[in-house]
N, C-alpha and C. Protein backbone atom coordinates (compact mmCIF):
# COMPACT_ATOMS: atom_id res chain seq x y z
N MET A 1 261.39 -71.48 309.01
CA MET A 1 261.98 -70.20 308.61
C MET A 1 263.08 -70.48 307.59
N ILE A 2 263.23 -69.60 306.66
CA ILE A 2 264.19 -69.75 305.57
C ILE A 2 265.61 -69.39 306.03
N ASP A 3 266.60 -70.14 305.58
CA ASP A 3 268.00 -69.79 305.79
C ASP A 3 268.39 -68.87 304.63
N LEU A 4 268.52 -67.59 304.92
CA LEU A 4 268.71 -66.59 303.87
C LEU A 4 270.00 -66.81 303.08
N ILE A 5 271.06 -67.21 303.73
CA ILE A 5 272.35 -67.39 303.04
C ILE A 5 272.29 -68.60 302.13
N THR A 6 271.85 -69.74 302.65
CA THR A 6 271.79 -70.97 301.84
C THR A 6 270.79 -70.82 300.70
N SER A 7 269.61 -70.33 301.01
CA SER A 7 268.58 -70.17 299.97
C SER A 7 268.98 -69.11 298.95
N GLY A 8 269.62 -68.05 299.42
CA GLY A 8 270.12 -67.02 298.50
C GLY A 8 271.17 -67.59 297.55
N ALA A 9 272.07 -68.42 298.09
CA ALA A 9 273.10 -69.05 297.25
C ALA A 9 272.44 -69.95 296.21
N ASP A 10 271.48 -70.75 296.64
CA ASP A 10 270.79 -71.66 295.71
C ASP A 10 270.10 -70.87 294.59
N MET A 11 269.39 -69.81 294.95
CA MET A 11 268.66 -69.04 293.96
C MET A 11 269.61 -68.32 292.99
N LEU A 12 270.65 -67.74 293.52
CA LEU A 12 271.60 -67.03 292.66
C LEU A 12 272.36 -68.00 291.76
N MET A 13 272.76 -69.15 292.29
CA MET A 13 273.46 -70.13 291.45
C MET A 13 272.53 -70.66 290.36
N GLY A 14 271.25 -70.81 290.69
CA GLY A 14 270.27 -71.21 289.69
C GLY A 14 270.11 -70.19 288.59
N ALA A 15 270.46 -68.94 288.87
CA ALA A 15 270.37 -67.86 287.89
C ALA A 15 271.72 -67.63 287.19
N GLY A 16 272.69 -68.51 287.42
CA GLY A 16 273.96 -68.41 286.71
C GLY A 16 275.07 -67.68 287.45
N PHE A 17 274.87 -67.37 288.70
CA PHE A 17 275.91 -66.72 289.49
C PHE A 17 276.81 -67.77 290.13
N ALA A 18 278.06 -67.42 290.35
CA ALA A 18 278.92 -68.19 291.24
C ALA A 18 278.67 -67.60 292.62
N ALA A 19 278.58 -68.44 293.63
CA ALA A 19 278.30 -67.96 294.98
C ALA A 19 279.09 -68.77 295.98
N GLU A 20 279.56 -68.08 297.03
CA GLU A 20 280.35 -68.75 298.05
C GLU A 20 280.03 -68.15 299.41
N ARG A 21 279.85 -69.02 300.38
CA ARG A 21 279.61 -68.59 301.76
C ARG A 21 280.93 -68.07 302.33
N ILE A 22 280.88 -66.91 302.97
CA ILE A 22 282.07 -66.32 303.58
C ILE A 22 281.70 -65.82 304.98
N SER A 23 282.68 -65.33 305.71
CA SER A 23 282.44 -64.75 307.03
C SER A 23 282.84 -63.28 307.00
N ILE A 24 281.93 -62.43 307.43
CA ILE A 24 282.20 -60.99 307.54
C ILE A 24 281.71 -60.55 308.91
N ASN A 25 282.56 -59.88 309.65
CA ASN A 25 282.24 -59.46 311.02
C ASN A 25 281.78 -60.66 311.86
N ASP A 26 282.45 -61.78 311.68
CA ASP A 26 282.17 -63.01 312.42
C ASP A 26 280.76 -63.56 312.19
N ARG A 27 280.18 -63.22 311.05
CA ARG A 27 278.86 -63.75 310.70
C ARG A 27 278.91 -64.30 309.29
N ASP A 28 278.05 -65.28 309.01
CA ASP A 28 277.96 -65.83 307.66
C ASP A 28 277.39 -64.78 306.71
N ALA A 29 277.96 -64.75 305.53
CA ALA A 29 277.47 -63.89 304.46
C ALA A 29 277.70 -64.67 303.16
N LEU A 30 277.32 -64.06 302.07
CA LEU A 30 277.46 -64.71 300.77
C LEU A 30 278.10 -63.72 299.82
N ILE A 31 279.07 -64.19 299.06
CA ILE A 31 279.63 -63.38 297.98
C ILE A 31 279.18 -64.04 296.68
N PHE A 32 278.75 -63.23 295.72
CA PHE A 32 278.24 -63.78 294.46
C PHE A 32 278.74 -62.94 293.29
N GLU A 33 278.79 -63.61 292.11
CA GLU A 33 279.32 -62.93 290.93
C GLU A 33 278.83 -63.64 289.68
N ASN A 34 278.56 -62.85 288.65
CA ASN A 34 278.33 -63.37 287.30
C ASN A 34 279.14 -62.48 286.36
N PRO A 35 279.03 -62.63 285.05
CA PRO A 35 279.88 -61.83 284.16
C PRO A 35 279.70 -60.31 284.26
N THR A 36 278.57 -59.83 284.79
CA THR A 36 278.35 -58.39 284.84
C THR A 36 278.11 -57.81 286.23
N VAL A 37 277.84 -58.65 287.22
CA VAL A 37 277.46 -58.18 288.55
C VAL A 37 278.24 -58.96 289.60
N LEU A 38 278.55 -58.28 290.70
CA LEU A 38 279.09 -58.98 291.86
C LEU A 38 278.48 -58.37 293.10
N GLY A 39 278.53 -59.10 294.19
CA GLY A 39 277.93 -58.54 295.39
C GLY A 39 278.05 -59.43 296.61
N PHE A 40 277.46 -58.93 297.67
CA PHE A 40 277.48 -59.58 298.97
C PHE A 40 276.05 -59.65 299.49
N LEU A 41 275.69 -60.75 300.12
CA LEU A 41 274.37 -60.91 300.70
C LEU A 41 274.54 -61.16 302.19
N PHE A 42 273.80 -60.38 302.99
CA PHE A 42 273.82 -60.50 304.43
C PHE A 42 272.42 -60.85 304.93
N GLY A 43 272.34 -61.75 305.89
CA GLY A 43 271.07 -62.12 306.48
C GLY A 43 270.98 -61.67 307.92
N TYR A 44 269.82 -61.17 308.31
CA TYR A 44 269.57 -60.70 309.67
C TYR A 44 268.27 -61.31 310.16
N THR A 45 268.12 -61.39 311.47
CA THR A 45 266.87 -61.95 312.00
C THR A 45 265.76 -60.91 312.02
N ASP A 46 266.11 -59.63 312.18
CA ASP A 46 265.07 -58.60 312.22
C ASP A 46 265.56 -57.29 311.62
N SER A 47 264.63 -56.41 311.35
CA SER A 47 264.95 -55.13 310.71
C SER A 47 265.83 -54.25 311.58
N SER A 48 265.65 -54.31 312.89
CA SER A 48 266.47 -53.49 313.79
C SER A 48 267.95 -53.84 313.63
N ALA A 49 268.25 -55.13 313.61
CA ALA A 49 269.64 -55.57 313.44
C ALA A 49 270.17 -55.14 312.08
N LEU A 50 269.34 -55.26 311.05
CA LEU A 50 269.75 -54.87 309.70
C LEU A 50 270.10 -53.38 309.69
N VAL A 51 269.19 -52.54 310.20
CA VAL A 51 269.40 -51.09 310.19
C VAL A 51 270.64 -50.72 311.01
N GLU A 52 270.87 -51.43 312.10
CA GLU A 52 272.00 -51.15 312.97
C GLU A 52 273.34 -51.57 312.36
N ARG A 53 273.36 -52.70 311.62
CA ARG A 53 274.64 -53.29 311.20
C ARG A 53 275.00 -53.11 309.73
N TRP A 54 274.10 -52.63 308.88
CA TRP A 54 274.37 -52.64 307.44
C TRP A 54 275.60 -51.82 307.07
N VAL A 55 275.83 -50.70 307.71
CA VAL A 55 276.98 -49.87 307.37
C VAL A 55 278.28 -50.59 307.71
N SER A 56 278.38 -51.14 308.92
CA SER A 56 279.63 -51.81 309.31
C SER A 56 279.85 -53.07 308.48
N ASP A 57 278.78 -53.82 308.18
CA ASP A 57 278.92 -55.02 307.35
C ASP A 57 279.37 -54.65 305.95
N SER A 58 278.79 -53.61 305.41
CA SER A 58 279.13 -53.15 304.06
C SER A 58 280.60 -52.70 303.99
N LYS A 59 281.00 -51.88 304.95
CA LYS A 59 282.39 -51.39 304.97
C LYS A 59 283.38 -52.54 305.13
N ARG A 60 283.04 -53.49 305.97
CA ARG A 60 283.95 -54.61 306.21
C ARG A 60 284.07 -55.49 304.96
N ALA A 61 282.95 -55.73 304.27
CA ALA A 61 282.98 -56.53 303.04
C ALA A 61 283.87 -55.87 301.99
N ILE A 62 283.73 -54.56 301.84
CA ILE A 62 284.54 -53.84 300.85
C ILE A 62 286.01 -53.84 301.26
N ALA A 63 286.28 -53.63 302.53
CA ALA A 63 287.68 -53.63 303.00
C ALA A 63 288.32 -55.01 302.82
N ASP A 64 287.57 -56.07 303.19
CA ASP A 64 288.12 -57.42 303.09
C ASP A 64 288.35 -57.86 301.64
N HIS A 65 287.60 -57.31 300.72
CA HIS A 65 287.65 -57.76 299.33
C HIS A 65 288.06 -56.65 298.36
N GLN A 66 288.76 -55.64 298.87
CA GLN A 66 289.11 -54.50 298.04
C GLN A 66 289.99 -54.86 296.85
N LEU A 67 290.91 -55.81 297.01
CA LEU A 67 291.77 -56.17 295.88
C LEU A 67 290.96 -56.83 294.76
N GLY A 68 290.04 -57.72 295.13
CA GLY A 68 289.18 -58.36 294.14
C GLY A 68 288.27 -57.35 293.45
N LEU A 69 287.79 -56.38 294.22
CA LEU A 69 286.93 -55.35 293.63
C LEU A 69 287.72 -54.48 292.64
N ARG A 70 288.96 -54.20 292.96
CA ARG A 70 289.80 -53.41 292.04
C ARG A 70 290.08 -54.19 290.76
N ARG A 71 290.32 -55.49 290.90
CA ARG A 71 290.58 -56.33 289.71
C ARG A 71 289.33 -56.51 288.86
N ALA A 72 288.16 -56.31 289.44
CA ALA A 72 286.91 -56.51 288.70
C ALA A 72 286.71 -55.44 287.63
N GLY A 73 287.45 -54.36 287.68
CA GLY A 73 287.36 -53.32 286.66
C GLY A 73 285.96 -52.73 286.58
N PRO A 74 285.43 -52.62 285.35
CA PRO A 74 284.11 -52.00 285.17
C PRO A 74 282.98 -52.73 285.91
N LYS A 75 283.16 -54.03 286.16
CA LYS A 75 282.12 -54.78 286.87
C LYS A 75 281.95 -54.25 288.30
N ALA A 76 282.97 -53.65 288.86
CA ALA A 76 282.88 -53.11 290.21
C ALA A 76 281.80 -52.03 290.31
N TRP A 77 281.45 -51.41 289.18
CA TRP A 77 280.36 -50.42 289.18
C TRP A 77 279.01 -51.10 289.41
N ASN A 78 278.94 -52.39 289.24
CA ASN A 78 277.72 -53.15 289.48
C ASN A 78 277.86 -54.02 290.73
N THR A 79 278.42 -53.47 291.78
CA THR A 79 278.54 -54.19 293.04
C THR A 79 277.29 -53.94 293.87
N TYR A 80 276.69 -55.02 294.32
CA TYR A 80 275.47 -54.95 295.14
C TYR A 80 275.76 -55.38 296.57
N MET A 81 275.10 -54.72 297.50
CA MET A 81 275.04 -55.15 298.89
C MET A 81 273.57 -55.50 299.13
N VAL A 82 273.32 -56.76 299.46
CA VAL A 82 271.95 -57.23 299.67
C VAL A 82 271.79 -57.50 301.17
N PHE A 83 270.84 -56.78 301.78
CA PHE A 83 270.57 -56.90 303.21
C PHE A 83 269.14 -57.43 303.38
N LEU A 84 269.02 -58.64 303.92
CA LEU A 84 267.71 -59.28 304.04
C LEU A 84 267.47 -59.71 305.48
N CYS A 85 266.21 -59.65 305.91
CA CYS A 85 265.88 -60.19 307.22
C CYS A 85 264.56 -60.96 307.14
N THR A 86 264.43 -61.91 308.03
CA THR A 86 263.28 -62.81 307.98
C THR A 86 262.03 -62.20 308.61
N GLU A 87 262.19 -61.40 309.62
CA GLU A 87 261.03 -60.82 310.30
C GLU A 87 260.58 -59.53 309.60
N PRO A 88 259.27 -59.32 309.50
CA PRO A 88 258.80 -58.07 308.91
C PRO A 88 259.08 -56.90 309.85
N GLY A 89 259.33 -55.76 309.28
CA GLY A 89 259.59 -54.57 310.09
C GLY A 89 258.35 -53.72 310.24
N ASP A 90 258.41 -52.78 311.17
CA ASP A 90 257.30 -51.84 311.33
C ASP A 90 257.47 -50.70 310.32
N TYR A 91 256.60 -49.73 310.38
CA TYR A 91 256.62 -48.63 309.41
C TYR A 91 257.95 -47.88 309.44
N ARG A 92 258.43 -47.56 310.63
CA ARG A 92 259.69 -46.81 310.77
C ARG A 92 260.85 -47.59 310.17
N GLN A 93 260.88 -48.89 310.39
CA GLN A 93 261.95 -49.72 309.84
C GLN A 93 261.83 -49.84 308.32
N SER A 94 260.62 -49.91 307.82
CA SER A 94 260.41 -49.96 306.37
C SER A 94 260.93 -48.69 305.70
N VAL A 95 260.71 -47.56 306.35
CA VAL A 95 261.23 -46.29 305.84
C VAL A 95 262.76 -46.32 305.86
N ALA A 96 263.34 -46.86 306.93
CA ALA A 96 264.80 -46.96 307.03
C ALA A 96 265.36 -47.87 305.94
N LEU A 97 264.67 -48.98 305.63
CA LEU A 97 265.13 -49.88 304.57
C LEU A 97 265.07 -49.19 303.21
N ALA A 98 264.03 -48.41 302.98
CA ALA A 98 263.94 -47.65 301.73
C ALA A 98 265.09 -46.65 301.63
N GLY A 99 265.44 -46.05 302.76
CA GLY A 99 266.57 -45.11 302.79
C GLY A 99 267.89 -45.80 302.47
N ILE A 100 268.06 -47.03 302.94
CA ILE A 100 269.27 -47.79 302.63
C ILE A 100 269.36 -48.02 301.13
N GLU A 101 268.25 -48.43 300.50
CA GLU A 101 268.26 -48.69 299.06
C GLU A 101 268.55 -47.43 298.25
N GLU A 102 268.13 -46.28 298.77
CA GLU A 102 268.38 -45.02 298.07
C GLU A 102 269.81 -44.51 298.24
N ASP A 103 270.53 -45.06 299.19
CA ASP A 103 271.92 -44.66 299.43
C ASP A 103 272.81 -45.36 298.41
N LEU A 104 273.22 -44.65 297.39
CA LEU A 104 274.04 -45.23 296.33
C LEU A 104 275.53 -44.99 296.54
N THR A 105 275.92 -44.64 297.76
CA THR A 105 277.32 -44.43 298.07
C THR A 105 278.07 -45.74 297.93
N GLY A 106 278.99 -45.79 296.99
CA GLY A 106 279.87 -46.94 296.83
C GLY A 106 279.29 -48.14 296.12
N THR A 107 278.10 -48.56 296.48
CA THR A 107 277.50 -49.76 295.91
C THR A 107 276.00 -49.55 295.72
N ARG A 108 275.41 -50.45 294.95
CA ARG A 108 273.95 -50.51 294.87
C ARG A 108 273.48 -51.35 296.04
N LYS A 109 272.26 -51.09 296.50
CA LYS A 109 271.80 -51.80 297.69
C LYS A 109 270.37 -52.32 297.51
N ILE A 110 270.15 -53.48 298.09
CA ILE A 110 268.82 -54.07 298.20
C ILE A 110 268.63 -54.35 299.68
N ALA A 111 267.56 -53.82 300.28
CA ALA A 111 267.29 -54.02 301.70
C ALA A 111 265.82 -54.39 301.84
N ARG A 112 265.55 -55.60 302.32
CA ARG A 112 264.16 -56.08 302.43
C ARG A 112 263.96 -56.83 303.73
N SER A 113 262.76 -56.74 304.25
CA SER A 113 262.40 -57.48 305.46
C SER A 113 261.24 -58.41 305.14
N GLY A 114 260.93 -59.29 306.09
CA GLY A 114 259.82 -60.21 305.93
C GLY A 114 260.06 -61.30 304.90
N ILE A 115 261.31 -61.73 304.75
CA ILE A 115 261.65 -62.79 303.79
C ILE A 115 261.40 -64.12 304.50
N ARG A 116 260.25 -64.72 304.25
CA ARG A 116 259.86 -65.95 304.96
C ARG A 116 259.96 -67.21 304.12
N ASP A 117 259.97 -67.06 302.78
CA ASP A 117 260.02 -68.24 301.91
C ASP A 117 260.71 -67.89 300.60
N SER A 118 260.81 -68.88 299.72
CA SER A 118 261.54 -68.67 298.47
C SER A 118 260.84 -67.64 297.56
N ALA A 119 259.52 -67.53 297.64
CA ALA A 119 258.82 -66.51 296.84
C ALA A 119 259.23 -65.11 297.30
N ASP A 120 259.29 -64.89 298.62
CA ASP A 120 259.74 -63.60 299.15
C ASP A 120 261.18 -63.33 298.75
N LEU A 121 262.02 -64.37 298.82
CA LEU A 121 263.43 -64.22 298.46
C LEU A 121 263.56 -63.87 296.98
N GLY A 122 262.81 -64.56 296.13
CA GLY A 122 262.84 -64.27 294.70
C GLY A 122 262.42 -62.85 294.40
N ALA A 123 261.39 -62.37 295.10
CA ALA A 123 260.94 -60.99 294.91
C ALA A 123 262.02 -60.00 295.34
N ALA A 124 262.72 -60.30 296.43
CA ALA A 124 263.78 -59.41 296.92
C ALA A 124 264.97 -59.38 295.96
N LEU A 125 265.30 -60.54 295.40
CA LEU A 125 266.47 -60.64 294.51
C LEU A 125 266.13 -60.34 293.05
N LEU A 126 264.89 -59.98 292.76
CA LEU A 126 264.45 -59.76 291.39
C LEU A 126 265.36 -58.83 290.58
N PRO A 127 265.90 -57.74 291.16
CA PRO A 127 266.79 -56.89 290.36
C PRO A 127 268.05 -57.61 289.85
N LEU A 128 268.41 -58.72 290.47
CA LEU A 128 269.60 -59.46 290.09
C LEU A 128 269.29 -60.65 289.18
N LEU A 129 268.06 -61.10 289.17
CA LEU A 129 267.69 -62.31 288.45
C LEU A 129 267.31 -62.02 287.01
N PRO A 130 267.47 -63.00 286.13
CA PRO A 130 267.06 -62.78 284.73
C PRO A 130 265.55 -62.59 284.63
N LEU A 131 265.13 -62.02 283.52
CA LEU A 131 263.70 -61.80 283.30
C LEU A 131 262.93 -63.10 283.48
N GLN A 132 261.79 -63.01 284.12
CA GLN A 132 261.03 -64.19 284.48
C GLN A 132 259.75 -64.36 283.67
N SER A 133 259.51 -63.52 282.69
CA SER A 133 258.20 -63.51 282.04
C SER A 133 258.18 -64.17 280.67
N ALA A 134 259.12 -65.01 280.36
CA ALA A 134 259.11 -65.68 279.05
C ALA A 134 257.89 -66.58 278.96
N PRO A 135 257.16 -66.50 277.85
CA PRO A 135 255.96 -67.33 277.73
C PRO A 135 256.32 -68.80 277.56
N LYS A 136 255.46 -69.64 278.08
CA LYS A 136 255.64 -71.08 277.91
C LYS A 136 254.53 -71.55 276.98
N LEU A 137 254.90 -71.89 275.76
CA LEU A 137 253.93 -72.29 274.76
C LEU A 137 253.93 -73.80 274.61
N GLU A 138 252.75 -74.34 274.48
CA GLU A 138 252.60 -75.78 274.27
C GLU A 138 252.82 -76.08 272.79
N ALA A 139 253.19 -77.31 272.49
CA ALA A 139 253.34 -77.74 271.10
C ALA A 139 251.98 -77.68 270.42
N VAL A 140 251.99 -77.29 269.15
CA VAL A 140 250.75 -77.15 268.39
C VAL A 140 250.80 -78.07 267.18
N ASP A 141 249.71 -78.79 266.94
CA ASP A 141 249.57 -79.59 265.73
C ASP A 141 249.10 -78.64 264.63
N ILE A 142 250.04 -78.20 263.80
CA ILE A 142 249.75 -77.17 262.79
C ILE A 142 248.66 -77.63 261.82
N ALA A 143 248.73 -78.86 261.37
CA ALA A 143 247.73 -79.34 260.41
C ALA A 143 246.33 -79.29 261.02
N ALA A 144 246.20 -79.72 262.27
CA ALA A 144 244.90 -79.68 262.93
C ALA A 144 244.44 -78.24 263.14
N GLU A 145 245.37 -77.37 263.46
CA GLU A 145 245.05 -75.95 263.65
C GLU A 145 244.55 -75.33 262.35
N ILE A 146 245.20 -75.64 261.23
CA ILE A 146 244.77 -75.12 259.93
C ILE A 146 243.39 -75.66 259.58
N ARG A 147 243.17 -76.95 259.79
CA ARG A 147 241.84 -77.54 259.51
C ARG A 147 240.75 -76.86 260.34
N GLN A 148 241.07 -76.56 261.60
CA GLN A 148 240.09 -75.95 262.49
C GLN A 148 239.76 -74.52 262.05
N ARG A 149 240.73 -73.80 261.52
CA ARG A 149 240.53 -72.40 261.17
C ARG A 149 240.05 -72.18 259.73
N THR A 150 239.98 -73.22 258.96
CA THR A 150 239.59 -73.06 257.54
C THR A 150 238.27 -73.77 257.25
N THR A 151 237.34 -73.66 258.14
CA THR A 151 236.05 -74.35 257.96
C THR A 151 235.23 -73.79 256.80
N GLN A 152 235.52 -72.58 256.35
CA GLN A 152 234.76 -71.99 255.24
C GLN A 152 235.28 -72.47 253.87
N LEU A 153 236.45 -73.10 253.86
CA LEU A 153 237.02 -73.60 252.61
C LEU A 153 236.61 -75.06 252.41
N PRO A 154 236.52 -75.49 251.16
CA PRO A 154 236.22 -76.91 250.91
C PRO A 154 237.32 -77.81 251.49
N THR A 155 236.90 -78.90 252.09
CA THR A 155 237.83 -79.85 252.73
C THR A 155 238.87 -80.34 251.74
N ARG A 156 238.46 -80.57 250.48
CA ARG A 156 239.39 -81.07 249.47
C ARG A 156 240.53 -80.07 249.21
N ALA A 157 240.23 -78.77 249.23
CA ALA A 157 241.26 -77.75 249.02
C ALA A 157 242.23 -77.71 250.19
N VAL A 158 241.70 -77.80 251.40
CA VAL A 158 242.56 -77.78 252.59
C VAL A 158 243.46 -79.00 252.61
N GLU A 159 242.91 -80.18 252.30
CA GLU A 159 243.71 -81.40 252.29
C GLU A 159 244.77 -81.36 251.20
N ALA A 160 244.46 -80.77 250.06
CA ALA A 160 245.46 -80.64 249.00
C ALA A 160 246.60 -79.74 249.47
N PHE A 161 246.25 -78.66 250.15
CA PHE A 161 247.27 -77.74 250.68
C PHE A 161 248.16 -78.44 251.70
N LEU A 162 247.56 -79.26 252.57
CA LEU A 162 248.32 -79.93 253.63
C LEU A 162 249.05 -81.19 253.17
N SER A 163 248.82 -81.62 251.95
CA SER A 163 249.35 -82.90 251.49
C SER A 163 250.80 -82.85 251.01
N ASN A 164 251.42 -81.71 251.04
CA ASN A 164 252.79 -81.54 250.52
C ASN A 164 252.87 -81.80 249.02
N ALA A 165 251.76 -81.66 248.35
CA ALA A 165 251.74 -81.85 246.90
C ALA A 165 252.38 -80.65 246.22
N GLU A 166 252.73 -80.84 244.97
CA GLU A 166 253.29 -79.74 244.18
C GLU A 166 252.29 -78.58 244.14
N GLU A 167 252.82 -77.40 244.00
CA GLU A 167 251.98 -76.21 243.94
C GLU A 167 250.98 -76.29 242.79
N SER A 168 251.41 -76.82 241.69
CA SER A 168 250.53 -76.93 240.53
C SER A 168 249.33 -77.83 240.81
N VAL A 169 249.52 -78.90 241.59
CA VAL A 169 248.42 -79.81 241.93
C VAL A 169 247.42 -79.09 242.83
N VAL A 170 247.93 -78.34 243.81
CA VAL A 170 247.03 -77.59 244.71
C VAL A 170 246.23 -76.57 243.90
N LEU A 171 246.89 -75.87 242.97
CA LEU A 171 246.19 -74.90 242.12
C LEU A 171 245.12 -75.58 241.28
N GLN A 172 245.43 -76.75 240.79
CA GLN A 172 244.47 -77.52 239.99
C GLN A 172 243.23 -77.84 240.81
N VAL A 173 243.41 -78.27 242.05
CA VAL A 173 242.29 -78.59 242.94
C VAL A 173 241.46 -77.34 243.19
N LEU A 174 242.12 -76.22 243.43
CA LEU A 174 241.41 -74.96 243.67
C LEU A 174 240.62 -74.52 242.45
N GLU A 175 241.18 -74.73 241.26
CA GLU A 175 240.46 -74.37 240.03
C GLU A 175 239.23 -75.24 239.85
N GLN A 176 239.34 -76.52 240.18
CA GLN A 176 238.20 -77.44 240.03
C GLN A 176 237.07 -77.06 240.99
N ILE A 177 237.42 -76.57 242.15
CA ILE A 177 236.43 -76.20 243.16
C ILE A 177 235.72 -74.90 242.76
N ALA A 178 236.47 -73.99 242.19
CA ALA A 178 235.93 -72.67 241.85
C ALA A 178 235.00 -72.72 240.73
């Protein structure tokens, strides 16, 4: 089973956040921050505990860190409360988690259940993480690519073009071919 606080810290720090383990309501939690966002991450064993405790955990985090939140200025508008649990919830609990996310009172919220591995954690934290869809392109041998795509042209003309010769020499070769 995944340790939500440790794995959450690792993932957020990998995305450029500063993160620190703290105690809120006598339980481990995580506080995280980057130049535009700050927040708190709470881990629960099941959805029932999450639904029961999220309000008190949220209020306590804000009360304990109110001075820091005030100093954060405009960044305080991007304060997140992340509530995660390892066990999947039933339909009623899933509806309750959706209701938590829709409650925009004071902070933005992420509430997810069934976080069993780093892929689940990454999906839950996706709103906080940088875009993940950058293409990964392999190095291309441009000369070979040009040779492959110019099969209708005479080989001598293609080689003249690729030879770094003066433009006038390439034109001369093209005139001789034509």
